[in-house]
Every structure is written in C-alpha cells, then in structure tokens.
N, C-alpha and C. Protein backbone atom coordinates (compact mmCIF):
# COMPACT_ATOMS: atom_id res chain seq x y z
N MET A 1 52.45 -17.37 9.33
CA MET A 1 51.33 -16.54 9.70
C MET A 1 50.94 -16.78 11.14
N THR A 2 50.42 -15.74 11.72
CA THR A 2 49.93 -15.88 13.09
C THR A 2 48.46 -16.28 13.04
N LYS A 3 47.95 -16.69 14.19
CA LYS A 3 46.55 -17.09 14.25
C LYS A 3 45.61 -15.95 13.84
N THR A 4 45.99 -14.74 14.12
CA THR A 4 45.09 -13.62 13.82
C THR A 4 45.08 -13.27 12.34
N THR A 5 46.11 -13.57 11.59
CA THR A 5 46.11 -13.22 10.17
C THR A 5 45.64 -14.36 9.28
N LYS A 6 45.71 -15.59 9.73
CA LYS A 6 45.34 -16.73 8.90
C LYS A 6 43.86 -16.67 8.48
N PRO A 7 42.89 -16.47 9.39
CA PRO A 7 41.50 -16.39 8.95
C PRO A 7 41.28 -15.22 7.99
N LEU A 8 41.94 -14.11 8.21
CA LEU A 8 41.80 -12.97 7.32
C LEU A 8 42.32 -13.30 5.94
N SER A 9 43.46 -13.96 5.85
CA SER A 9 44.04 -14.34 4.56
C SER A 9 43.13 -15.30 3.83
N ILE A 10 42.55 -16.27 4.52
CA ILE A 10 41.64 -17.24 3.91
C ILE A 10 40.39 -16.51 3.42
N GLY A 11 39.88 -15.60 4.22
CA GLY A 11 38.68 -14.84 3.85
C GLY A 11 38.91 -14.00 2.60
N ILE A 12 40.07 -13.35 2.50
CA ILE A 12 40.38 -12.53 1.33
C ILE A 12 40.53 -13.42 0.10
N ALA A 13 41.19 -14.57 0.25
CA ALA A 13 41.35 -15.49 -0.87
C ALA A 13 39.99 -16.01 -1.35
N ALA A 14 39.09 -16.34 -0.43
CA ALA A 14 37.77 -16.84 -0.80
C ALA A 14 36.98 -15.74 -1.53
N LEU A 15 37.07 -14.51 -1.05
CA LEU A 15 36.39 -13.40 -1.68
C LEU A 15 36.93 -13.18 -3.09
N ALA A 16 38.24 -13.23 -3.26
CA ALA A 16 38.85 -13.07 -4.58
C ALA A 16 38.40 -14.18 -5.51
N ALA A 17 38.30 -15.40 -5.00
CA ALA A 17 37.85 -16.53 -5.83
C ALA A 17 36.41 -16.30 -6.30
N CYS A 18 35.59 -15.73 -5.47
CA CYS A 18 34.21 -15.46 -5.86
C CYS A 18 34.16 -14.51 -7.05
N PHE A 19 34.99 -13.46 -7.03
CA PHE A 19 34.99 -12.50 -8.12
C PHE A 19 35.57 -13.10 -9.39
N CYS A 20 36.55 -13.97 -9.26
CA CYS A 20 37.20 -14.55 -10.42
C CYS A 20 36.35 -15.62 -11.10
N PHE A 21 35.53 -16.32 -10.36
CA PHE A 21 34.80 -17.45 -10.92
C PHE A 21 33.31 -17.20 -11.09
N GLY A 22 32.91 -15.97 -11.14
CA GLY A 22 31.54 -15.63 -11.48
C GLY A 22 30.52 -15.91 -10.40
N ALA A 23 30.90 -15.89 -9.15
CA ALA A 23 29.92 -16.05 -8.07
C ALA A 23 29.01 -14.84 -8.06
N PRO A 24 27.87 -14.92 -7.39
CA PRO A 24 26.94 -13.78 -7.37
C PRO A 24 27.63 -12.51 -6.90
N SER A 25 27.25 -11.42 -7.51
CA SER A 25 27.83 -10.12 -7.20
C SER A 25 27.39 -9.65 -5.82
N LEU A 26 28.23 -8.89 -5.20
CA LEU A 26 27.91 -8.29 -3.91
C LEU A 26 27.41 -6.88 -4.09
N ALA A 27 26.98 -6.53 -5.29
CA ALA A 27 26.51 -5.18 -5.58
C ALA A 27 25.27 -4.85 -4.77
N VAL A 28 25.09 -3.60 -4.45
CA VAL A 28 23.95 -3.13 -3.69
C VAL A 28 22.73 -3.10 -4.61
N ALA A 29 21.60 -3.60 -4.14
CA ALA A 29 20.36 -3.60 -4.92
C ALA A 29 19.88 -2.17 -5.12
N SER A 30 19.17 -1.93 -6.22
CA SER A 30 18.65 -0.60 -6.49
C SER A 30 17.57 -0.26 -5.46
N GLU A 31 17.32 1.02 -5.32
CA GLU A 31 16.30 1.49 -4.38
C GLU A 31 14.92 1.04 -4.85
N PRO A 32 14.06 0.60 -3.94
CA PRO A 32 12.71 0.19 -4.35
C PRO A 32 11.89 1.40 -4.78
N ALA A 33 10.92 1.18 -5.67
CA ALA A 33 10.01 2.25 -6.07
C ALA A 33 9.17 2.66 -4.87
N THR A 34 8.88 3.94 -4.77
CA THR A 34 8.03 4.44 -3.70
C THR A 34 6.97 5.38 -4.28
N ALA A 35 5.88 5.48 -3.57
CA ALA A 35 4.79 6.37 -3.94
C ALA A 35 4.19 6.93 -2.66
N SER A 36 3.37 7.95 -2.79
CA SER A 36 2.74 8.54 -1.62
C SER A 36 1.40 9.16 -2.00
N ALA A 37 0.64 9.50 -1.00
CA ALA A 37 -0.65 10.18 -1.19
C ALA A 37 -0.85 11.13 -0.03
N VAL A 38 -1.35 12.31 -0.33
CA VAL A 38 -1.77 13.26 0.70
C VAL A 38 -3.24 13.00 0.93
N MET A 39 -3.60 12.64 2.15
CA MET A 39 -4.99 12.32 2.49
C MET A 39 -5.73 13.61 2.84
N ILE A 40 -6.92 13.78 2.24
CA ILE A 40 -7.76 14.95 2.53
C ILE A 40 -9.13 14.49 3.01
N ASP A 41 -9.80 15.38 3.75
CA ASP A 41 -11.15 15.06 4.22
C ASP A 41 -12.20 15.66 3.28
N ARG A 42 -13.46 15.56 3.64
CA ARG A 42 -14.55 16.04 2.78
C ARG A 42 -14.56 17.56 2.61
N ASN A 43 -13.81 18.27 3.46
CA ASN A 43 -13.67 19.72 3.30
C ASN A 43 -12.48 20.08 2.41
N GLY A 44 -11.71 19.08 2.00
CA GLY A 44 -10.51 19.33 1.21
C GLY A 44 -9.29 19.64 2.05
N ASP A 45 -9.40 19.49 3.38
CA ASP A 45 -8.29 19.78 4.29
C ASP A 45 -7.37 18.57 4.39
N GLU A 46 -6.08 18.83 4.43
CA GLU A 46 -5.10 17.76 4.58
C GLU A 46 -5.20 17.16 5.98
N ILE A 47 -5.33 15.82 6.04
CA ILE A 47 -5.47 15.16 7.34
C ILE A 47 -4.43 14.06 7.55
N GLY A 48 -3.54 13.86 6.59
CA GLY A 48 -2.55 12.81 6.78
C GLY A 48 -1.87 12.41 5.50
N PHE A 49 -1.29 11.22 5.53
CA PHE A 49 -0.50 10.74 4.38
C PHE A 49 -0.60 9.22 4.27
N ALA A 50 -0.22 8.74 3.11
CA ALA A 50 -0.01 7.31 2.87
C ALA A 50 1.30 7.19 2.11
N ASN A 51 2.15 6.26 2.52
CA ASN A 51 3.40 5.99 1.83
C ASN A 51 3.39 4.53 1.38
N ILE A 52 3.94 4.29 0.20
CA ILE A 52 4.00 2.94 -0.37
C ILE A 52 5.43 2.64 -0.76
N MET A 53 5.88 1.41 -0.47
CA MET A 53 7.18 0.94 -0.92
C MET A 53 6.97 -0.39 -1.64
N GLN A 54 7.49 -0.47 -2.86
CA GLN A 54 7.38 -1.70 -3.64
C GLN A 54 8.39 -2.72 -3.13
N GLY A 55 7.94 -3.93 -2.90
CA GLY A 55 8.82 -5.03 -2.54
C GLY A 55 8.77 -6.08 -3.63
N PRO A 56 9.56 -7.12 -3.52
CA PRO A 56 9.59 -8.14 -4.56
C PRO A 56 8.29 -8.95 -4.67
N HIS A 57 7.49 -8.96 -3.61
CA HIS A 57 6.27 -9.78 -3.61
C HIS A 57 5.00 -8.98 -3.35
N GLY A 58 5.08 -7.65 -3.39
CA GLY A 58 3.92 -6.81 -3.13
C GLY A 58 4.36 -5.45 -2.62
N ILE A 59 3.40 -4.72 -2.04
CA ILE A 59 3.72 -3.38 -1.53
C ILE A 59 3.48 -3.29 -0.03
N LEU A 60 4.32 -2.48 0.61
CA LEU A 60 4.18 -2.16 2.03
C LEU A 60 3.57 -0.77 2.10
N ILE A 61 2.48 -0.62 2.85
CA ILE A 61 1.74 0.63 2.95
C ILE A 61 1.81 1.13 4.38
N HIS A 62 2.06 2.42 4.55
CA HIS A 62 2.01 3.07 5.87
C HIS A 62 1.07 4.26 5.73
N ILE A 63 0.03 4.28 6.55
CA ILE A 63 -0.96 5.37 6.51
C ILE A 63 -1.08 5.97 7.90
N ARG A 64 -1.14 7.30 7.94
CA ARG A 64 -1.41 8.02 9.19
C ARG A 64 -2.37 9.15 8.87
N VAL A 65 -3.47 9.19 9.61
CA VAL A 65 -4.48 10.23 9.43
C VAL A 65 -4.92 10.77 10.78
N SER A 66 -5.53 11.95 10.76
CA SER A 66 -6.05 12.55 11.99
C SER A 66 -7.41 13.18 11.69
N ASP A 67 -8.06 13.62 12.75
CA ASP A 67 -9.35 14.33 12.65
C ASP A 67 -10.46 13.49 12.04
N LEU A 68 -10.45 12.17 12.31
CA LEU A 68 -11.54 11.31 11.88
C LEU A 68 -12.28 10.78 13.11
N THR A 69 -13.48 10.29 12.90
CA THR A 69 -14.30 9.74 13.98
C THR A 69 -13.64 8.49 14.55
N PRO A 70 -13.54 8.36 15.87
CA PRO A 70 -12.94 7.16 16.46
C PRO A 70 -13.70 5.88 16.04
N GLY A 71 -12.94 4.80 15.92
CA GLY A 71 -13.50 3.50 15.57
C GLY A 71 -12.87 2.95 14.30
N LYS A 72 -13.47 1.84 13.82
CA LYS A 72 -12.99 1.19 12.60
C LYS A 72 -13.58 1.88 11.38
N HIS A 73 -12.74 1.98 10.34
CA HIS A 73 -13.17 2.57 9.07
C HIS A 73 -12.66 1.71 7.92
N GLY A 74 -13.53 1.48 6.92
CA GLY A 74 -13.12 0.77 5.73
C GLY A 74 -12.01 1.53 5.01
N LEU A 75 -11.06 0.79 4.48
CA LEU A 75 -9.92 1.36 3.74
C LEU A 75 -9.77 0.56 2.46
N HIS A 76 -9.79 1.26 1.33
CA HIS A 76 -9.70 0.60 0.04
C HIS A 76 -8.79 1.38 -0.89
N LEU A 77 -8.31 0.70 -1.93
CA LEU A 77 -7.64 1.35 -3.05
C LEU A 77 -8.66 1.46 -4.18
N HIS A 78 -8.90 2.67 -4.64
CA HIS A 78 -9.88 2.91 -5.70
C HIS A 78 -9.18 3.12 -7.03
N SER A 79 -9.92 2.84 -8.11
CA SER A 79 -9.33 2.66 -9.43
C SER A 79 -8.96 3.92 -10.19
N THR A 80 -9.32 5.09 -9.69
CA THR A 80 -9.03 6.33 -10.41
C THR A 80 -8.37 7.32 -9.47
N GLY A 81 -7.28 7.92 -9.92
CA GLY A 81 -6.52 8.84 -9.10
C GLY A 81 -7.10 10.24 -9.08
N VAL A 82 -8.31 10.36 -8.56
CA VAL A 82 -8.98 11.66 -8.42
C VAL A 82 -9.64 11.69 -7.04
N CYS A 83 -9.45 12.78 -6.32
CA CYS A 83 -10.10 12.96 -5.01
C CYS A 83 -10.80 14.31 -5.00
N ASN A 84 -12.07 14.32 -5.32
CA ASN A 84 -12.84 15.54 -5.41
C ASN A 84 -13.83 15.58 -4.24
N PRO A 85 -13.56 16.43 -3.23
CA PRO A 85 -14.48 16.49 -2.08
C PRO A 85 -15.90 16.89 -2.46
N GLU A 86 -16.05 17.69 -3.52
CA GLU A 86 -17.38 18.17 -3.92
C GLU A 86 -18.31 17.03 -4.33
N ASP A 87 -17.76 15.92 -4.84
CA ASP A 87 -18.63 14.80 -5.23
C ASP A 87 -18.55 13.64 -4.22
N GLY A 88 -18.07 13.94 -3.01
CA GLY A 88 -17.97 12.91 -1.97
C GLY A 88 -16.94 11.84 -2.32
N PHE A 89 -15.97 12.21 -3.13
CA PHE A 89 -14.87 11.34 -3.57
C PHE A 89 -15.34 10.22 -4.49
N THR A 90 -16.56 10.32 -5.04
CA THR A 90 -17.02 9.29 -5.97
C THR A 90 -16.23 9.30 -7.28
N SER A 91 -15.53 10.40 -7.56
CA SER A 91 -14.71 10.49 -8.78
C SER A 91 -13.53 9.51 -8.73
N SER A 92 -13.25 8.96 -7.56
CA SER A 92 -12.19 7.94 -7.48
C SER A 92 -12.68 6.58 -7.96
N MET A 93 -13.96 6.52 -8.33
CA MET A 93 -14.61 5.33 -8.90
C MET A 93 -14.61 4.15 -7.90
N GLY A 94 -14.70 2.91 -8.44
CA GLY A 94 -14.77 1.71 -7.60
C GLY A 94 -13.39 1.20 -7.24
N HIS A 95 -13.37 0.05 -6.62
CA HIS A 95 -12.11 -0.54 -6.16
C HIS A 95 -11.20 -0.93 -7.32
N VAL A 96 -9.92 -0.92 -7.07
CA VAL A 96 -8.96 -1.49 -8.01
C VAL A 96 -9.32 -2.97 -8.15
N GLY A 97 -9.39 -3.44 -9.38
CA GLY A 97 -9.70 -4.85 -9.61
C GLY A 97 -11.12 -5.25 -9.30
N LYS A 98 -12.05 -4.29 -9.39
CA LYS A 98 -13.45 -4.56 -9.05
C LYS A 98 -13.98 -5.74 -9.86
N ALA A 99 -14.60 -6.67 -9.17
CA ALA A 99 -15.21 -7.84 -9.81
C ALA A 99 -16.55 -8.10 -9.14
N PRO A 100 -17.63 -8.26 -9.90
CA PRO A 100 -18.95 -8.49 -9.29
C PRO A 100 -18.94 -9.66 -8.30
N GLY A 101 -19.41 -9.37 -7.09
CA GLY A 101 -19.53 -10.40 -6.06
C GLY A 101 -18.24 -10.82 -5.39
N ALA A 102 -17.13 -10.14 -5.69
CA ALA A 102 -15.83 -10.58 -5.16
C ALA A 102 -15.28 -9.69 -4.06
N HIS A 103 -16.01 -8.64 -3.64
CA HIS A 103 -15.47 -7.78 -2.60
C HIS A 103 -15.29 -8.52 -1.29
N GLY A 104 -14.18 -8.23 -0.62
CA GLY A 104 -14.00 -8.68 0.75
C GLY A 104 -12.84 -9.62 0.97
N LEU A 105 -12.05 -9.30 1.99
CA LEU A 105 -10.91 -10.13 2.35
C LEU A 105 -11.33 -11.53 2.80
N MET A 106 -12.57 -11.68 3.28
CA MET A 106 -13.06 -12.97 3.75
C MET A 106 -13.99 -13.64 2.74
N ASN A 107 -14.11 -13.07 1.57
CA ASN A 107 -15.01 -13.58 0.54
C ASN A 107 -14.36 -14.76 -0.17
N PRO A 108 -15.04 -15.91 -0.26
CA PRO A 108 -14.45 -17.06 -0.97
C PRO A 108 -14.22 -16.80 -2.45
N ASP A 109 -14.92 -15.79 -3.04
CA ASP A 109 -14.72 -15.43 -4.44
C ASP A 109 -13.80 -14.22 -4.60
N GLY A 110 -13.25 -13.73 -3.53
CA GLY A 110 -12.42 -12.52 -3.56
C GLY A 110 -11.05 -12.82 -3.03
N PRO A 111 -10.35 -11.80 -2.64
CA PRO A 111 -10.75 -10.40 -2.60
C PRO A 111 -10.47 -9.69 -3.91
N GLU A 112 -11.01 -8.48 -4.02
CA GLU A 112 -10.62 -7.58 -5.10
C GLU A 112 -9.25 -7.02 -4.76
N ALA A 113 -8.52 -6.60 -5.76
CA ALA A 113 -7.16 -6.09 -5.54
C ALA A 113 -7.14 -4.86 -4.63
N GLY A 114 -8.22 -4.07 -4.62
CA GLY A 114 -8.27 -2.86 -3.80
C GLY A 114 -8.73 -3.06 -2.38
N ASP A 115 -9.06 -4.30 -2.00
CA ASP A 115 -9.53 -4.56 -0.64
C ASP A 115 -8.36 -4.54 0.34
N LEU A 116 -8.51 -3.79 1.42
CA LEU A 116 -7.49 -3.69 2.47
C LEU A 116 -8.15 -3.86 3.83
N PRO A 117 -7.38 -4.18 4.87
CA PRO A 117 -7.95 -4.23 6.22
C PRO A 117 -8.45 -2.85 6.67
N ASN A 118 -9.35 -2.83 7.63
CA ASN A 118 -9.84 -1.58 8.20
C ASN A 118 -8.70 -0.81 8.86
N ILE A 119 -8.89 0.51 8.96
CA ILE A 119 -7.98 1.34 9.75
C ILE A 119 -8.73 1.70 11.04
N PHE A 120 -8.02 1.67 12.16
CA PHE A 120 -8.59 1.98 13.47
C PHE A 120 -8.20 3.40 13.86
N ILE A 121 -9.20 4.20 14.22
CA ILE A 121 -8.99 5.58 14.64
C ILE A 121 -9.20 5.63 16.15
N GLY A 122 -8.21 6.18 16.85
CA GLY A 122 -8.27 6.27 18.30
C GLY A 122 -9.19 7.37 18.79
N ALA A 123 -9.39 7.42 20.12
CA ALA A 123 -10.25 8.43 20.73
C ALA A 123 -9.78 9.84 20.43
N ASP A 124 -8.47 9.99 20.11
CA ASP A 124 -7.92 11.31 19.79
C ASP A 124 -8.10 11.67 18.31
N GLY A 125 -8.77 10.81 17.54
CA GLY A 125 -9.01 11.09 16.12
C GLY A 125 -7.88 10.71 15.21
N ILE A 126 -6.83 10.07 15.76
CA ILE A 126 -5.66 9.69 14.97
C ILE A 126 -5.68 8.20 14.69
N GLY A 127 -5.38 7.86 13.47
CA GLY A 127 -5.27 6.47 13.06
C GLY A 127 -3.97 6.25 12.32
N GLU A 128 -3.35 5.12 12.55
CA GLU A 128 -2.11 4.80 11.87
C GLU A 128 -2.05 3.29 11.69
N THR A 129 -1.61 2.86 10.51
CA THR A 129 -1.48 1.45 10.24
C THR A 129 -0.37 1.21 9.23
N GLU A 130 0.18 0.01 9.30
CA GLU A 130 1.12 -0.46 8.29
C GLU A 130 0.61 -1.82 7.85
N LEU A 131 0.53 -2.03 6.55
CA LEU A 131 0.01 -3.28 6.03
C LEU A 131 0.70 -3.64 4.73
N PHE A 132 0.51 -4.88 4.30
CA PHE A 132 1.15 -5.42 3.10
C PHE A 132 0.09 -6.07 2.22
N THR A 133 0.21 -5.89 0.92
CA THR A 133 -0.65 -6.60 -0.01
C THR A 133 0.16 -7.02 -1.24
N HIS A 134 -0.12 -8.22 -1.71
CA HIS A 134 0.52 -8.72 -2.92
C HIS A 134 -0.39 -8.58 -4.13
N LEU A 135 -1.55 -7.98 -3.96
CA LEU A 135 -2.53 -7.88 -5.03
C LEU A 135 -2.34 -6.68 -5.94
N VAL A 136 -1.46 -5.74 -5.55
CA VAL A 136 -1.19 -4.54 -6.36
C VAL A 136 0.29 -4.23 -6.34
N SER A 137 0.70 -3.36 -7.27
CA SER A 137 2.09 -2.91 -7.31
C SER A 137 2.10 -1.43 -7.71
N ILE A 138 3.28 -0.82 -7.61
CA ILE A 138 3.46 0.54 -8.11
C ILE A 138 4.51 0.55 -9.22
N GLY A 139 4.65 -0.55 -9.88
CA GLY A 139 5.62 -0.67 -10.97
C GLY A 139 5.94 -2.12 -11.17
N GLU A 140 7.22 -2.43 -11.07
CA GLU A 140 7.66 -3.82 -11.23
C GLU A 140 7.24 -4.60 -9.99
N GLY A 141 6.35 -5.54 -10.18
CA GLY A 141 5.90 -6.35 -9.06
C GLY A 141 4.61 -7.06 -9.43
N PRO A 142 4.15 -7.92 -8.55
CA PRO A 142 2.94 -8.69 -8.84
C PRO A 142 1.69 -7.83 -8.69
N GLY A 143 0.60 -8.31 -9.23
CA GLY A 143 -0.69 -7.66 -9.03
C GLY A 143 -0.95 -6.52 -9.99
N GLU A 144 -2.10 -5.89 -9.79
CA GLU A 144 -2.50 -4.77 -10.64
C GLU A 144 -1.67 -3.54 -10.33
N ASN A 145 -1.28 -2.83 -11.38
CA ASN A 145 -0.43 -1.65 -11.23
C ASN A 145 -1.29 -0.44 -10.86
N LEU A 146 -1.03 0.14 -9.69
CA LEU A 146 -1.75 1.32 -9.24
C LEU A 146 -1.44 2.54 -10.09
N MET A 147 -0.33 2.49 -10.82
CA MET A 147 0.12 3.64 -11.59
C MET A 147 -0.27 3.52 -13.07
N ASP A 148 -1.42 2.91 -13.35
CA ASP A 148 -1.88 2.79 -14.73
C ASP A 148 -2.29 4.17 -15.25
N ALA A 149 -2.87 4.23 -16.45
CA ALA A 149 -3.16 5.51 -17.12
C ALA A 149 -3.99 6.48 -16.29
N ASP A 150 -4.97 5.99 -15.52
CA ASP A 150 -5.80 6.90 -14.72
C ASP A 150 -5.47 6.88 -13.23
N GLY A 151 -4.39 6.23 -12.85
CA GLY A 151 -3.92 6.26 -11.47
C GLY A 151 -4.83 5.52 -10.51
N SER A 152 -4.69 5.85 -9.23
CA SER A 152 -5.49 5.23 -8.18
C SER A 152 -5.51 6.14 -6.96
N ALA A 153 -6.34 5.78 -5.99
CA ALA A 153 -6.48 6.59 -4.78
C ALA A 153 -6.80 5.71 -3.58
N PHE A 154 -6.33 6.11 -2.41
CA PHE A 154 -6.76 5.52 -1.15
C PHE A 154 -8.08 6.18 -0.78
N VAL A 155 -9.02 5.40 -0.27
CA VAL A 155 -10.27 5.95 0.23
C VAL A 155 -10.55 5.36 1.61
N ILE A 156 -10.89 6.23 2.55
CA ILE A 156 -11.33 5.81 3.89
C ILE A 156 -12.83 6.08 3.96
N HIS A 157 -13.56 5.08 4.45
CA HIS A 157 -15.02 5.16 4.54
C HIS A 157 -15.46 5.49 5.96
N GLU A 158 -16.70 5.88 6.08
CA GLU A 158 -17.28 6.29 7.36
C GLU A 158 -17.42 5.12 8.34
N ASN A 159 -17.72 3.93 7.84
CA ASN A 159 -17.99 2.76 8.68
C ASN A 159 -16.95 1.68 8.43
N PRO A 160 -16.91 0.65 9.29
CA PRO A 160 -16.00 -0.46 9.04
C PRO A 160 -16.45 -1.30 7.85
N ASP A 161 -15.52 -1.96 7.22
CA ASP A 161 -15.78 -2.93 6.16
C ASP A 161 -15.92 -4.30 6.84
N ASP A 162 -17.01 -5.01 6.57
CA ASP A 162 -17.18 -6.34 7.17
C ASP A 162 -16.47 -7.42 6.36
N HIS A 163 -15.84 -7.05 5.28
CA HIS A 163 -14.98 -7.90 4.44
C HIS A 163 -15.70 -8.99 3.68
N ILE A 164 -17.03 -8.87 3.54
CA ILE A 164 -17.75 -9.88 2.76
C ILE A 164 -19.01 -9.35 2.09
N THR A 165 -19.74 -8.41 2.72
CA THR A 165 -20.97 -7.89 2.16
C THR A 165 -20.68 -7.13 0.86
N GLN A 166 -21.57 -7.31 -0.12
CA GLN A 166 -21.40 -6.66 -1.42
C GLN A 166 -22.15 -5.33 -1.44
N PRO A 167 -21.65 -4.29 -2.10
CA PRO A 167 -20.41 -4.29 -2.86
C PRO A 167 -19.20 -3.76 -2.11
N ILE A 168 -19.40 -3.08 -0.94
CA ILE A 168 -18.25 -2.47 -0.24
C ILE A 168 -18.19 -2.84 1.24
N GLY A 169 -18.77 -3.94 1.61
CA GLY A 169 -18.69 -4.39 2.99
C GLY A 169 -19.43 -3.55 3.99
N GLY A 170 -20.42 -2.77 3.53
CA GLY A 170 -21.17 -1.90 4.45
C GLY A 170 -20.38 -0.71 4.94
N ALA A 171 -19.30 -0.35 4.25
CA ALA A 171 -18.41 0.71 4.72
C ALA A 171 -18.99 2.11 4.61
N GLY A 172 -20.03 2.30 3.83
CA GLY A 172 -20.71 3.59 3.78
C GLY A 172 -19.98 4.68 3.02
N PRO A 173 -20.39 5.93 3.28
CA PRO A 173 -19.84 7.07 2.55
C PRO A 173 -18.32 7.21 2.72
N ARG A 174 -17.74 7.88 1.75
CA ARG A 174 -16.29 8.12 1.73
C ARG A 174 -15.98 9.39 2.54
N VAL A 175 -15.07 9.29 3.49
CA VAL A 175 -14.77 10.45 4.36
C VAL A 175 -13.37 11.02 4.15
N ALA A 176 -12.50 10.28 3.47
CA ALA A 176 -11.15 10.78 3.20
C ALA A 176 -10.62 10.11 1.93
N CYS A 177 -9.69 10.80 1.27
CA CYS A 177 -9.19 10.32 -0.01
C CYS A 177 -7.79 10.85 -0.22
N GLY A 178 -6.96 10.08 -0.94
CA GLY A 178 -5.61 10.52 -1.29
C GLY A 178 -5.16 9.91 -2.61
N VAL A 179 -4.76 10.76 -3.56
CA VAL A 179 -4.30 10.31 -4.87
C VAL A 179 -2.88 9.75 -4.75
N VAL A 180 -2.66 8.55 -5.27
CA VAL A 180 -1.35 7.90 -5.24
C VAL A 180 -0.47 8.48 -6.35
N THR A 181 0.72 8.98 -5.98
CA THR A 181 1.68 9.51 -6.96
C THR A 181 3.05 8.91 -6.69
N LEU A 182 3.78 8.61 -7.77
CA LEU A 182 5.13 8.10 -7.61
C LEU A 182 6.03 9.18 -7.04
N ASN A 183 6.96 8.79 -6.20
CA ASN A 183 7.93 9.75 -5.63
C ASN A 183 9.11 9.92 -6.57
C-alpha cells in the first residue's frame, strides 16, 4: 500500500468494525418538533410571528414583531391558546405554570414556567429576540407541555416586566398575542 491508501484502508476497517460490533449507529437524528404562532395586535392585525424548536433540554424561541411602541415589553407564555382582541387577550388566561407569589425570573420562589425575558422594540417599532427556556416543551422534553388540551399563547404586554413584582411584574395590559400551534 502507498501512504495515501493506508489511512483510508484503516479508516474503512475501523468503520466496518463499528457496524459489526454494535457501536453506536451513525443514523441521522429525527427532525425536532416545531411550533409557531401568528402574533396579532389589539386590532386583530397580524404584526409578526413566533417560532419554537424543541431541543433535548428545552425550547428555542424566535420572535419578530412590528408596529409596537418602542422600549421594553413583558413577554410571557399564557396557559390557554386563545387570542381574542375584543377581551384584551384576557382569554389567554394566566401564565403557564402559574403559582401564587412565584412570578418572575429574579424571584427566589420562581420563576413560573411562562416567565420569559422582556422583548425590546426599536425606534422603528420592530422587535426581535431569540431565547431559550427549559421550563416548557412542545412535546417530548422537560417542563410543562405548551400543547396540552387547551394549548397556550405568547402574550406581549404594554410595559416591561420587572421580573419580581406580583403577579405580572408590572407589565400592564396585553398589547399582542399569538396562539401556539404545532407545525
């Protein structure tokens, strides 16, 4: 054998040995579960989207919205998959995993599963964020399942969430909502 074929021959033999002796498979992993939400404002107009990808230790969320007031806005996952502009999105109910006195990412008794970091809206009215949480899932994964019998929804509030004040961190009225649906 020449120098150029020897490493190739050894590599092929090692690969064959792996298949013969039950080494871990080189099979491609299945596609992760995904979900999405169409974000609407209080007029019922579409203003953006949220995409979710299930990972082995939680979910990755990507949200992009427009036509909102510049600044920080509270962002939460709410426990019911309904977004009714006529009732100010209160039909989406409270946070996923709501627990008395536990709201807030900085709360020593929290957080609730639906607590998320604020979303920042630029001077042009556009906000975009990507974040991760291990407190919820969209199927196989840790945390509370967003796809339970009554679903769930993303809610954006008028004000920032201070991540500790009860019950919603001072985030105020709901200004946008999106029902989470599996893709």
